Amino acid sequence: MVRKLFGTDGVRGRVGEFLTAELAFTLARATVELCDGPDPRVLVVRDTRESGQRLESAIADGVAAAGGEALLAGVLPTPAAPLLLRQHGLALAVVISASHNPYEDNGIKFFAADAFKLSDAAEQAVERQIEHPVSRGRGPGRTRALPGAAEDYLQALQARFSRLDLGGVRVLLDCANGATHRVAPEIFRRLGAQVEVTADAPDGRNINAGVGSTNIGHLVAGMATGAHDIGFAFDGDGDRVLAADRAGRVVDGDELIALAALHLQRAGELGGGVAVTVMTNYGFHLAMREAGVEVATTDVGDRYVNEELRRRGWRLGGEQSGHVIDLGFGPSGDGIATALLTLEALAGADLSERQVLHKLPQQLVSLTAGSRQLLRSALEADGVGEAITAAGADLAGRGRVLVRVSGTEPVIRVMVEAPSDEETTAVCANLCAVVRAALK
């Protein structure tokens, strides 16, 4: 069996080292060989990284080599892919993006015919196909452009938020020099907002560079001018968003999900509870309990939130990072749709006056090591598990701890939430010291 290629969000890594054109070709060919039908049509979408076009060509060649038809839609946010897949009745969608990572990285994620990301079982089947290729014997495939893809996505957003009037609302958008740089400003303008845009000049290398949802200080500085009512920062591929109010205070995914949940509950459209990950602030759980909204908790990763929503028949879920899924609109997280849902939930009110939850102080530290094996070994070292268990027991009912290996980066995440900043800092420092000692 080949080494495991898929992480928590597709295949991702440094371009030219782990992620090569050869690997992109192989992945595309193997995945299309597993598709049903004589000539599967496959959508290909990318973000603004300089490596995107090279990988796009390799993927298109892989699709054609397996007898499929590659439809190239160019630069679009990740959430546009499953929407277009459904609209055109396609067999598969491929997104070339490393999301919030720097430009040197890139990634490949697949959406199946049902418009949801490949399951663990499907990913394993792809890896088996790479190891032991089985051809369906299709004829040669082809590649062609898919015109009008951006407009199709914009029209889907406009139809969903047709009753949202943003006339007079002054909005600042940080597009991370990524995939939202054209469509995000356009939909806000169509809905009547006064829009100022920053980080909307991608050059192939400036995606996420000091901007976007993972570098929120850029948006906060823009809000400090006092010229805007609300601000939103997207990540490189547009499936995440964070917000800032007129005072420059950051509103993360936990608060955005809470706002949406209470809004949909009032409208009788929530359709059950809310699914979030283990990273979600303890204050979110307290707020939902007070509102009578059931909460389900999953592992980190939007795919696991999505699976839980589908299993329960619920609509809303997401992550603290700003990856919010509203199955009432689309089958994946969508930063632009989340920003518009936030404005819909506010119903003209000021974001700075929100009172949806009281967040516990939180510290999140990332500890690096030379290899993933060393990271996993550190968590299994003597005394590490005991220290984590003891800290969790001490905070039971008042806060929590979470120590885990990241699924997308070579780091261990140490997260602590406690009633006070002082206790949060002390517990986190102690756990980090224990883990660092195990990493030596």
Protein backbone atom coordinates (compact mmCIF):
# COMPACT_ATOMS: atom_id res chain seq x y z
CA MET A 1 0.00 0.00 0.00
CA VAL A 2 1.29 3.48 -0.83
CA ARG A 3 2.04 5.89 1.98
CA LYS A 4 -0.99 7.82 3.14
CA LEU A 5 -1.42 10.81 0.85
CA PHE A 6 -4.65 12.34 2.15
CA GLY A 7 -4.75 14.50 5.27
CA THR A 8 -7.75 16.07 6.94
CA ASP A 9 -8.44 18.21 3.85
CA GLY A 10 -7.24 16.46 0.74
CA VAL A 11 -3.60 16.18 -0.30
CA ARG A 12 -1.47 19.14 0.71
CA GLY A 13 2.23 19.97 0.85
CA ARG A 14 5.20 21.90 -0.48
CA VAL A 15 5.07 22.20 -4.26
CA GLY A 16 7.94 20.47 -6.04
CA GLU A 17 8.81 18.44 -2.97
CA PHE A 18 5.78 16.49 -1.79
CA LEU A 19 3.19 17.86 -4.19
CA THR A 20 4.46 17.52 -7.76
CA ALA A 21 2.83 17.65 -11.17
CA GLU A 22 3.40 13.91 -11.39
CA LEU A 23 1.50 13.31 -8.16
CA ALA A 24 -1.32 15.61 -9.32
CA PHE A 25 -1.60 13.64 -12.58
CA THR A 26 -1.58 10.33 -10.71
CA LEU A 27 -4.22 11.42 -8.20
CA ALA A 28 -6.54 12.76 -10.90
CA ARG A 29 -6.17 9.71 -13.08
CA ALA A 30 -6.76 7.28 -10.21
CA THR A 31 -9.80 9.19 -8.91
CA VAL A 32 -11.44 9.44 -12.33
CA GLU A 33 -10.84 5.73 -12.97
CA LEU A 34 -13.08 5.11 -9.93
CA CYS A 35 -15.91 7.30 -11.28
CA ASP A 36 -18.94 5.69 -12.83
CA GLY A 37 -19.97 6.20 -16.43
CA PRO A 38 -18.23 6.08 -19.80
CA ASP A 39 -16.95 9.69 -19.91
CA PRO A 40 -17.09 11.39 -16.50
CA ARG A 41 -17.04 15.18 -16.54
CA VAL A 42 -14.74 16.74 -13.96
CA LEU A 43 -14.69 20.37 -12.79
CA VAL A 44 -11.27 21.86 -11.99
CA VAL A 45 -11.02 25.01 -9.85
CA ARG A 46 -7.92 26.71 -8.42
CA ASP A 47 -6.84 29.60 -6.25
CA THR A 48 -4.26 32.28 -7.12
CA ARG A 49 -0.97 30.49 -6.28
CA GLU A 50 1.71 30.56 -8.98
CA SER A 51 1.80 26.75 -8.94
CA GLY A 52 -1.92 26.50 -9.64
CA GLN A 53 -1.80 26.55 -13.43
CA ARG A 54 0.92 23.90 -13.58
CA LEU A 55 -1.04 21.60 -11.29
CA GLU A 56 -4.23 22.41 -13.19
CA SER A 57 -2.59 21.20 -16.42
CA ALA A 58 -1.36 18.02 -14.73
CA ILE A 59 -4.80 17.29 -13.29
CA ALA A 60 -6.49 17.93 -16.62
CA ASP A 61 -4.05 15.50 -18.25
CA GLY A 62 -4.80 12.92 -15.55
CA VAL A 63 -8.54 13.30 -16.07
CA ALA A 64 -8.16 12.90 -19.82
CA ALA A 65 -5.84 9.90 -19.39
CA ALA A 66 -8.65 8.15 -17.51
CA GLY A 67 -11.15 8.96 -20.26
CA GLY A 68 -12.79 11.89 -18.55
CA GLU A 69 -13.54 15.45 -19.61
CA ALA A 70 -11.79 18.17 -17.60
CA LEU A 71 -13.79 21.41 -17.33
CA LEU A 72 -11.47 24.26 -16.35
CA ALA A 73 -13.27 27.02 -14.40
CA GLY A 74 -10.15 28.98 -13.44
CA VAL A 75 -9.82 30.92 -10.20
CA LEU A 76 -12.85 30.52 -7.95
CA PRO A 77 -13.46 30.00 -4.22
CA THR A 78 -13.50 26.37 -3.11
CA PRO A 79 -17.25 26.45 -2.21
CA ALA A 80 -18.11 27.31 -5.80
CA ALA A 81 -16.91 23.87 -6.87
CA PRO A 82 -19.58 21.70 -5.19
CA LEU A 83 -22.31 24.18 -6.17
CA LEU A 84 -21.26 24.03 -9.83
CA LEU A 85 -20.84 20.26 -9.61
CA ARG A 86 -24.48 19.94 -8.56
CA GLN A 87 -25.72 22.48 -11.07
CA HIS A 88 -24.06 20.79 -14.05
CA GLY A 89 -24.53 17.20 -12.87
CA LEU A 90 -20.80 16.42 -12.92
CA ALA A 91 -19.05 13.28 -11.72
CA LEU A 92 -16.32 14.99 -9.73
CA ALA A 93 -14.82 18.35 -8.79
CA VAL A 94 -11.16 19.03 -8.08
CA VAL A 95 -9.98 22.10 -6.18
CA ILE A 96 -6.32 23.12 -6.34
CA SER A 97 -5.62 25.10 -3.19
CA ALA A 98 -3.75 24.99 0.09
CA SER A 99 -6.37 27.21 1.70
CA HIS A 100 -4.72 29.36 4.40
CA ASN A 101 -1.17 28.03 3.85
CA PRO A 102 1.61 30.15 2.26
CA TYR A 103 2.07 30.25 -1.50
CA GLU A 104 4.89 27.68 -1.48
CA ASP A 105 2.31 25.05 -0.53
CA ASN A 106 -0.57 23.81 -2.59
CA GLY A 107 -3.19 21.13 -2.28
CA ILE A 108 -5.70 19.00 -4.13
CA LYS A 109 -9.16 18.24 -2.77
CA PHE A 110 -11.90 16.24 -4.40
CA PHE A 111 -15.68 16.56 -4.25
CA ALA A 112 -17.66 13.46 -5.24
CA ALA A 113 -20.79 13.36 -7.40
CA ASP A 114 -22.95 14.04 -4.33
CA ALA A 115 -21.05 17.39 -3.94
CA PHE A 116 -19.47 16.37 -0.64
CA LYS A 117 -15.76 15.80 -0.07
CA LEU A 118 -14.49 12.28 -0.54
CA SER A 119 -15.06 10.02 2.46
CA ASP A 120 -12.19 8.26 4.22
CA ALA A 121 -13.20 5.07 2.42
CA ALA A 122 -13.15 6.80 -0.97
CA GLU A 123 -9.72 8.29 -0.29
CA GLN A 124 -8.42 4.86 0.65
CA ALA A 125 -9.85 3.50 -2.60
CA VAL A 126 -7.94 6.16 -4.53
CA GLU A 127 -4.71 5.18 -2.82
CA ARG A 128 -5.34 1.51 -3.61
CA GLN A 129 -5.98 2.45 -7.24
CA ILE A 130 -2.62 4.24 -7.33
CA GLU A 131 -0.88 1.20 -5.87
CA HIS A 132 -2.72 -1.34 -8.06
CA PRO A 133 -4.11 0.48 -11.13
CA VAL A 134 -7.23 -0.93 -12.77
CA SER A 135 -8.31 0.71 -16.03
CA ARG A 136 -11.94 0.98 -17.14
CA GLY A 137 -10.78 0.97 -20.75
CA ARG A 138 -12.38 4.27 -21.66
CA GLY A 139 -11.34 6.10 -24.80
CA PRO A 140 -9.21 9.25 -24.70
CA GLY A 141 -10.66 12.17 -22.77
CA ARG A 142 -10.41 15.90 -23.37
CA THR A 143 -10.04 19.31 -21.72
CA ARG A 144 -12.08 22.45 -22.26
CA ALA A 145 -12.88 25.72 -20.49
CA LEU A 146 -16.10 26.18 -18.55
CA PRO A 147 -17.27 29.74 -19.31
CA GLY A 148 -19.59 31.58 -16.97
CA ALA A 149 -18.60 29.64 -13.83
CA ALA A 150 -18.07 32.76 -11.72
CA GLU A 151 -21.43 34.17 -12.75
CA ASP A 152 -23.16 30.91 -11.89
CA TYR A 153 -21.69 31.09 -8.39
CA LEU A 154 -22.65 34.74 -7.99
CA GLN A 155 -26.21 34.02 -9.07
CA ALA A 156 -26.48 31.23 -6.50
CA LEU A 157 -25.40 33.65 -3.77
CA GLN A 158 -27.75 36.35 -5.04
CA ALA A 159 -30.70 33.96 -5.10
CA ARG A 160 -30.06 32.79 -1.51
CA PHE A 161 -29.70 36.34 -0.16
CA SER A 162 -32.19 38.07 -2.43
CA ARG A 163 -34.01 39.62 0.54
CA LEU A 164 -30.83 41.02 2.09
CA ASP A 165 -30.65 44.78 1.49
CA LEU A 166 -27.19 46.16 2.25
CA GLY A 167 -27.97 49.67 1.10
CA GLY A 168 -25.88 52.14 3.10
CA VAL A 169 -23.78 49.47 4.83
CA ARG A 170 -20.08 50.28 4.60
CA VAL A 171 -18.15 47.03 4.24
CA LEU A 172 -14.41 46.38 4.24
CA LEU A 173 -13.33 43.12 2.58
CA ASP A 174 -9.90 41.53 2.94
CA CYS A 175 -9.67 39.00 0.11
CA ALA A 176 -6.27 37.56 1.13
CA ASN A 177 -5.02 38.03 -2.44
CA GLY A 178 -6.84 34.78 -3.05
CA ALA A 179 -9.78 33.18 -4.77
CA THR A 180 -12.42 35.64 -3.51
CA HIS A 181 -10.76 38.75 -4.91
CA ARG A 182 -13.31 39.21 -7.71
CA VAL A 183 -16.52 37.49 -6.64
CA ALA A 184 -16.68 38.72 -3.03
CA PRO A 185 -16.71 42.46 -3.82
CA GLU A 186 -19.13 41.85 -6.69
CA ILE A 187 -21.83 40.11 -4.64
CA PHE A 188 -21.66 42.71 -1.87
CA ARG A 189 -22.05 45.48 -4.43
CA ARG A 190 -24.97 43.70 -6.09
CA LEU A 191 -26.71 43.60 -2.71
CA GLY A 192 -26.24 47.35 -2.29
CA ALA A 193 -23.25 47.64 0.05
CA GLN A 194 -20.63 50.37 -0.12
CA VAL A 195 -17.54 48.20 -0.56
CA GLU A 196 -13.87 48.87 0.00
CA VAL A 197 -11.54 46.01 -0.84
CA THR A 198 -8.02 45.23 0.31
CA ALA A 199 -5.64 42.39 -0.56
CA ASP A 200 -7.32 41.97 -3.94
CA ALA A 201 -4.24 42.05 -6.19
CA PRO A 202 -2.87 38.50 -6.33
CA ASP A 203 0.54 38.03 -7.92
CA GLY A 204 0.90 34.29 -7.38
CA ARG A 205 3.01 34.67 -4.25
CA ASN A 206 1.16 37.09 -1.98
CA ILE A 207 -1.80 34.84 -1.14
CA ASN A 208 -2.35 34.92 2.66
CA ALA A 209 0.88 36.94 3.05
CA GLY A 210 0.17 39.17 6.05
CA VAL A 211 -3.49 39.37 5.06
CA GLY A 212 -6.67 37.32 5.20
CA SER A 213 -8.38 35.43 8.00
CA THR A 214 -5.10 33.97 9.33
CA ASN A 215 -3.52 37.43 9.52
CA ILE A 216 -6.51 39.29 10.87
CA GLY A 217 -4.47 42.31 11.98
CA HIS A 218 -4.62 43.65 8.44
CA LEU A 219 -8.42 43.84 8.58
CA VAL A 220 -8.35 45.24 12.12
CA ALA A 221 -6.02 48.04 11.01
CA GLY A 222 -8.38 48.85 8.17
CA MET A 223 -11.34 49.04 10.53
CA ALA A 224 -9.43 51.43 12.79
CA THR A 225 -10.00 54.25 10.30
CA GLY A 226 -13.66 54.38 11.37
CA ALA A 227 -14.80 54.45 7.74
CA HIS A 228 -16.53 51.05 7.83
CA ASP A 229 -19.47 49.50 9.65
CA ILE A 230 -18.21 45.92 9.42
CA GLY A 231 -15.26 44.04 7.97
CA PHE A 232 -14.69 40.50 6.72
CA ALA A 233 -11.42 38.67 6.04
CA PHE A 234 -11.43 35.55 3.87
CA ASP A 235 -8.73 32.92 3.59
CA GLY A 236 -6.91 32.06 0.37
CA ASP A 237 -9.52 29.71 -1.05
CA GLY A 238 -12.58 31.44 0.36
CA ASP A 239 -14.06 28.71 2.53
CA ARG A 240 -13.30 30.60 5.76
CA VAL A 241 -14.09 34.07 7.04
CA LEU A 242 -13.54 36.10 10.19
CA ALA A 243 -15.19 39.43 10.95
CA ALA A 244 -14.32 42.65 12.74
CA ASP A 245 -16.75 45.17 14.17
CA ARG A 246 -16.54 48.93 13.77
CA ALA A 247 -14.27 49.11 16.85
CA GLY A 248 -11.85 46.62 15.32
CA ARG A 249 -12.77 43.75 17.64
CA VAL A 250 -12.36 40.36 15.98
CA VAL A 251 -15.33 38.01 15.70
CA ASP A 252 -14.25 34.41 15.14
CA GLY A 253 -16.09 31.38 13.83
CA ASP A 254 -17.55 30.48 17.21
CA GLU A 255 -19.38 33.79 17.41
CA LEU A 256 -20.39 33.73 13.74
CA ILE A 257 -21.91 30.27 14.19
CA ALA A 258 -23.68 31.39 17.36
CA LEU A 259 -25.12 34.44 15.60
CA ALA A 260 -26.34 32.27 12.73
CA ALA A 261 -27.75 29.58 15.02
CA LEU A 262 -29.83 32.00 17.08
CA HIS A 263 -31.01 33.79 13.93
CA LEU A 264 -32.09 30.55 12.23
CA GLN A 265 -33.67 29.32 15.45
CA ARG A 266 -35.78 32.48 15.71
CA ALA A 267 -36.82 32.06 12.08
CA GLY A 268 -37.73 28.41 12.67
CA GLU A 269 -35.14 27.36 10.08
CA LEU A 270 -32.35 25.86 12.19
CA GLY A 271 -33.53 22.32 11.55
CA GLY A 272 -32.11 20.76 14.72
CA GLY A 273 -28.88 21.55 16.52
CA VAL A 274 -25.38 22.72 15.63
CA ALA A 275 -22.26 20.66 14.95
CA VAL A 276 -18.86 22.08 15.96
CA THR A 277 -15.37 20.71 16.61
CA VAL A 278 -13.39 20.04 19.76
CA MET A 279 -11.67 23.42 19.22
CA THR A 280 -14.89 25.37 19.79
CA ASN A 281 -14.80 27.66 22.81
CA TYR A 282 -16.49 26.38 25.96
CA GLY A 283 -18.50 29.61 26.07
CA PHE A 284 -20.24 28.56 22.84
CA HIS A 285 -21.56 25.42 24.51
CA LEU A 286 -22.83 27.43 27.47
CA ALA A 287 -24.62 29.91 25.17
CA MET A 288 -26.26 27.18 23.11
CA ARG A 289 -27.35 25.35 26.27
CA GLU A 290 -29.02 28.54 27.50
CA ALA A 291 -30.77 28.97 24.14
CA GLY A 292 -31.94 25.36 24.10
CA VAL A 293 -29.88 24.45 21.03
CA GLU A 294 -28.34 20.99 20.97
CA VAL A 295 -24.61 20.83 20.15
CA ALA A 296 -22.71 17.89 18.64
CA THR A 297 -18.90 17.85 18.82
CA THR A 298 -16.61 16.32 16.19
CA ASP A 299 -12.91 15.95 15.47
CA VAL A 300 -11.15 18.92 13.88
CA GLY A 301 -11.87 19.26 10.19
CA ASP A 302 -14.83 20.58 8.24
CA ARG A 303 -15.41 17.16 6.67
CA TYR A 304 -16.20 15.70 10.07
CA VAL A 305 -18.58 18.55 10.87
CA ASN A 306 -20.22 18.00 7.51
CA GLU A 307 -20.57 14.26 8.10
CA GLU A 308 -22.17 14.88 11.49
CA LEU A 309 -24.64 17.36 10.03
CA ARG A 310 -25.65 14.91 7.35
CA ARG A 311 -25.92 12.03 9.81
CA ARG A 312 -28.24 14.02 12.07
CA GLY A 313 -30.13 15.85 9.33
CA TRP A 314 -29.03 19.22 10.72
CA ARG A 315 -28.21 22.38 8.79
CA LEU A 316 -25.54 24.46 10.56
CA GLY A 317 -22.06 23.80 11.87
CA GLY A 318 -18.45 24.84 11.62
CA GLU A 319 -15.14 25.64 13.17
CA GLN A 320 -13.60 28.39 15.28
CA SER A 321 -11.33 29.19 12.33
CA GLY A 322 -14.31 30.66 10.50
CA HIS A 323 -15.14 27.63 8.38
CA VAL A 324 -18.94 27.69 8.64
CA ILE A 325 -21.19 25.19 6.87
CA ASP A 326 -24.81 26.03 6.09
CA LEU A 327 -26.31 23.06 4.27
CA GLY A 328 -29.32 25.25 3.61
CA PHE A 329 -27.17 26.94 0.97
CA GLY A 330 -24.37 24.63 -0.07
CA PRO A 331 -22.61 21.40 0.81
CA SER A 332 -19.38 22.98 2.06
CA GLY A 333 -18.05 25.88 4.08
CA ASP A 334 -18.41 29.19 2.25
CA GLY A 335 -16.77 32.36 3.56
CA ILE A 336 -18.78 34.73 1.37
CA ALA A 337 -22.09 33.07 2.22
CA THR A 338 -21.16 33.12 5.91
CA ALA A 339 -20.43 36.85 5.77
CA LEU A 340 -23.81 37.47 4.16
CA LEU A 341 -25.54 35.18 6.66
CA THR A 342 -23.94 37.23 9.45
CA LEU A 343 -25.40 40.43 8.01
CA GLU A 344 -28.76 38.70 7.60
CA ALA A 345 -28.62 37.62 11.26
CA LEU A 346 -27.78 41.14 12.40
CA ALA A 347 -30.84 42.51 10.54
CA GLY A 348 -29.39 46.01 10.46
CA ALA A 349 -27.97 45.92 14.00
CA ASP A 350 -24.34 46.78 14.72
CA LEU A 351 -21.95 43.86 15.10
CA SER A 352 -20.26 45.66 17.99
CA GLU A 353 -23.47 45.30 20.01
CA ARG A 354 -23.64 41.50 19.65
CA GLN A 355 -24.28 39.56 22.85
CA VAL A 356 -24.46 35.97 21.72
CA LEU A 357 -21.88 34.33 23.95
CA HIS A 358 -19.28 34.95 26.63
CA LYS A 359 -16.04 33.38 25.47
CA LEU A 360 -13.65 31.87 27.98
CA PRO A 361 -10.04 33.05 27.76
CA GLN A 362 -8.19 30.73 25.41
CA GLN A 363 -4.55 30.09 24.58
CA LEU A 364 -3.49 28.08 21.55
CA VAL A 365 0.20 27.27 21.06
CA SER A 366 1.73 25.33 18.14
CA LEU A 367 4.85 23.28 18.87
CA THR A 368 6.96 22.08 15.95
CA ALA A 369 9.22 19.09 15.43
CA GLY A 370 11.28 17.53 12.66
CA SER A 371 8.76 14.87 11.66
CA ARG A 372 5.17 13.77 12.16
CA GLN A 373 6.40 10.56 13.78
CA LEU A 374 8.24 12.59 16.41
CA LEU A 375 5.06 14.59 17.06
CA ARG A 376 3.01 11.45 17.63
CA SER A 377 5.75 9.88 19.76
CA ALA A 378 5.87 12.96 21.97
CA LEU A 379 2.19 12.61 22.87
CA GLU A 380 2.81 8.96 23.78
CA ALA A 381 5.86 9.72 25.96
CA ASP A 382 5.84 9.04 29.69
CA GLY A 383 4.13 11.74 31.69
CA VAL A 384 2.57 13.62 28.77
CA GLY A 385 -0.78 11.86 28.81
CA GLU A 386 -0.91 12.04 32.60
CA ALA A 387 -0.27 15.81 32.56
CA ILE A 388 -3.01 16.36 29.98
CA THR A 389 -5.49 14.24 31.93
CA ALA A 390 -4.71 16.01 35.21
CA ALA A 391 -5.13 19.48 33.67
CA GLY A 392 -8.43 18.44 32.09
CA ALA A 393 -9.73 17.02 35.36
CA ASP A 394 -8.83 20.20 37.22
CA LEU A 395 -10.78 22.33 34.69
CA ALA A 396 -13.77 19.99 34.40
CA GLY A 397 -16.98 22.03 34.37
CA ARG A 398 -15.01 25.29 34.25
CA GLY A 399 -12.95 24.99 31.06
CA ARG A 400 -10.95 22.41 29.15
CA VAL A 401 -7.66 21.39 27.55
CA LEU A 402 -6.95 19.88 24.13
CA VAL A 403 -3.59 18.61 22.89
CA ARG A 404 -3.45 17.14 19.38
CA VAL A 405 -1.31 16.69 16.30
CA SER A 406 -2.50 18.98 13.50
CA GLY A 407 -3.94 17.26 10.46
CA THR A 408 -2.66 19.93 8.05
CA GLU A 409 0.66 21.14 9.50
CA PRO A 410 3.64 19.41 11.26
CA VAL A 411 2.81 20.80 14.71
CA ILE A 412 1.24 19.83 18.02
CA ARG A 413 -1.59 22.17 19.06
CA VAL A 414 -1.89 22.87 22.78
CA MET A 415 -5.15 24.61 23.64
CA VAL A 416 -6.36 25.67 27.08
CA GLU A 417 -9.56 27.44 28.13
CA ALA A 418 -10.11 28.53 31.73
CA PRO A 419 -12.21 31.10 33.62
CA SER A 420 -9.36 33.64 33.89
CA ASP A 421 -6.45 34.76 31.73
CA GLU A 422 -4.02 33.96 34.54
CA GLU A 423 -5.17 30.37 34.95
CA THR A 424 -5.30 29.86 31.18
CA THR A 425 -1.72 31.09 30.80
CA ALA A 426 -0.42 29.00 33.68
CA VAL A 427 -2.03 25.74 32.57
CA CYS A 428 -0.97 26.24 28.96
CA ALA A 429 2.62 27.04 29.92
CA ASN A 430 2.83 23.91 32.05
CA LEU A 431 1.46 21.65 29.30
CA CYS A 432 3.73 23.23 26.67
CA ALA A 433 6.76 22.62 28.90
CA VAL A 434 5.82 18.94 29.28
CA VAL A 435 5.31 18.48 25.53
CA ARG A 436 8.50 20.37 24.62
CA ALA A 437 10.50 18.12 26.93
CA ALA A 438 9.07 15.09 25.14
CA LEU A 439 9.99 16.54 21.74
CA LYS A 440 13.71 16.81 22.61
